[in-house]
C-alpha cells in the first residue's frame, strides 16, 4: 500500500497539472469536511437552526 501511495505521489508531482490537481483535491476535502460538520451540528455554516445539536467551535455535549 505504501509503495502504491508513493508511486501515485511521484506521478502527481511530475504531472504538468500538479497544482490544479492539488487545488481540486483540497477543494473536495474541504467540502467533504464541511458536509460532515454540518451533519454533526445539524446546521450549515452561519445557519441559525433551533434544532442545532452542537456549535461549530466544538462546544457540545460529549458521549
Protein backbone atom coordinates (compact mmCIF):
# COMPACT_ATOMS: atom_id res chain seq x y z
CA UNK A 1 0.00 0.00 0.00
CA UNK A 2 2.78 2.44 0.89
CA UNK A 3 4.56 1.78 -2.39
CA UNK A 4 1.34 2.47 -4.29
CA UNK A 5 0.88 5.79 -2.48
CA UNK A 6 4.49 6.78 -3.19
CA UNK A 7 4.06 5.91 -6.87
CA UNK A 8 0.87 7.95 -7.05
CA UNK A 9 2.54 10.89 -5.33
CA UNK A 10 5.55 10.75 -7.69
CA UNK A 11 3.20 10.59 -10.68
CA UNK A 12 1.18 13.60 -9.50
CA UNK A 13 4.28 15.66 -8.70
CA UNK A 14 5.67 15.05 -12.20
CA UNK A 15 2.40 15.99 -13.85
CA UNK A 16 2.28 19.42 -15.53
CA UNK A 17 -1.13 19.96 -13.91
CA UNK A 18 0.04 19.10 -10.39
CA UNK A 19 -1.05 22.46 -8.95
CA UNK A 20 -4.51 22.18 -10.46
CA UNK A 21 -4.90 18.62 -9.19
CA UNK A 22 -3.71 19.67 -5.72
CA UNK A 23 -6.27 22.50 -5.67
CA UNK A 24 -9.06 20.17 -6.79
CA UNK A 25 -8.24 17.59 -4.12
CA UNK A 26 -8.00 20.32 -1.48
CA UNK A 27 -11.39 21.74 -2.51
CA UNK A 28 -13.00 18.29 -2.42
CA UNK A 29 -11.53 17.54 1.01
CA UNK A 30 -12.73 20.89 2.39
CA UNK A 31 -16.21 20.34 1.01
CA UNK A 32 -16.43 16.84 2.49
CA UNK A 33 -15.33 18.11 5.90
CA UNK A 34 -17.87 20.95 5.70
CA UNK A 35 -20.66 18.46 4.95
CA UNK A 36 -19.53 16.23 7.82
CA UNK A 37 -19.55 19.14 10.29
CA UNK A 38 -22.95 20.27 9.03
CA UNK A 39 -24.32 16.79 9.60
CA UNK A 40 -22.82 16.61 13.09
CA UNK A 41 -24.13 20.02 14.18
CA UNK A 42 -27.48 19.95 12.43
CA UNK A 43 -26.86 23.29 10.69
CA UNK A 44 -24.65 24.68 7.94
CA UNK A 45 -22.01 27.37 8.34
CA UNK A 46 -23.63 30.60 9.56
CA UNK A 47 -27.06 28.97 9.61
CA UNK A 48 -29.37 29.51 12.58
CA UNK A 49 -31.39 26.45 13.45
CA UNK A 50 -33.34 25.90 16.69
CA UNK A 51 -32.77 22.14 16.34
CA UNK A 52 -29.00 22.58 16.18
CA UNK A 53 -27.25 19.85 18.19
CA UNK A 54 -23.82 21.48 18.69
CA UNK A 55 -21.69 24.53 17.94
CA UNK A 56 -19.08 24.55 15.18
CA UNK A 57 -16.38 25.61 17.65
CA UNK A 58 -16.59 22.25 19.42
CA UNK A 59 -18.83 23.31 22.32
CA UNK A 60 -21.23 20.38 22.71
CA UNK A 61 -22.22 17.53 24.98
CA UNK A 62 -19.78 14.65 24.61
CA UNK A 63 -20.71 10.98 24.97
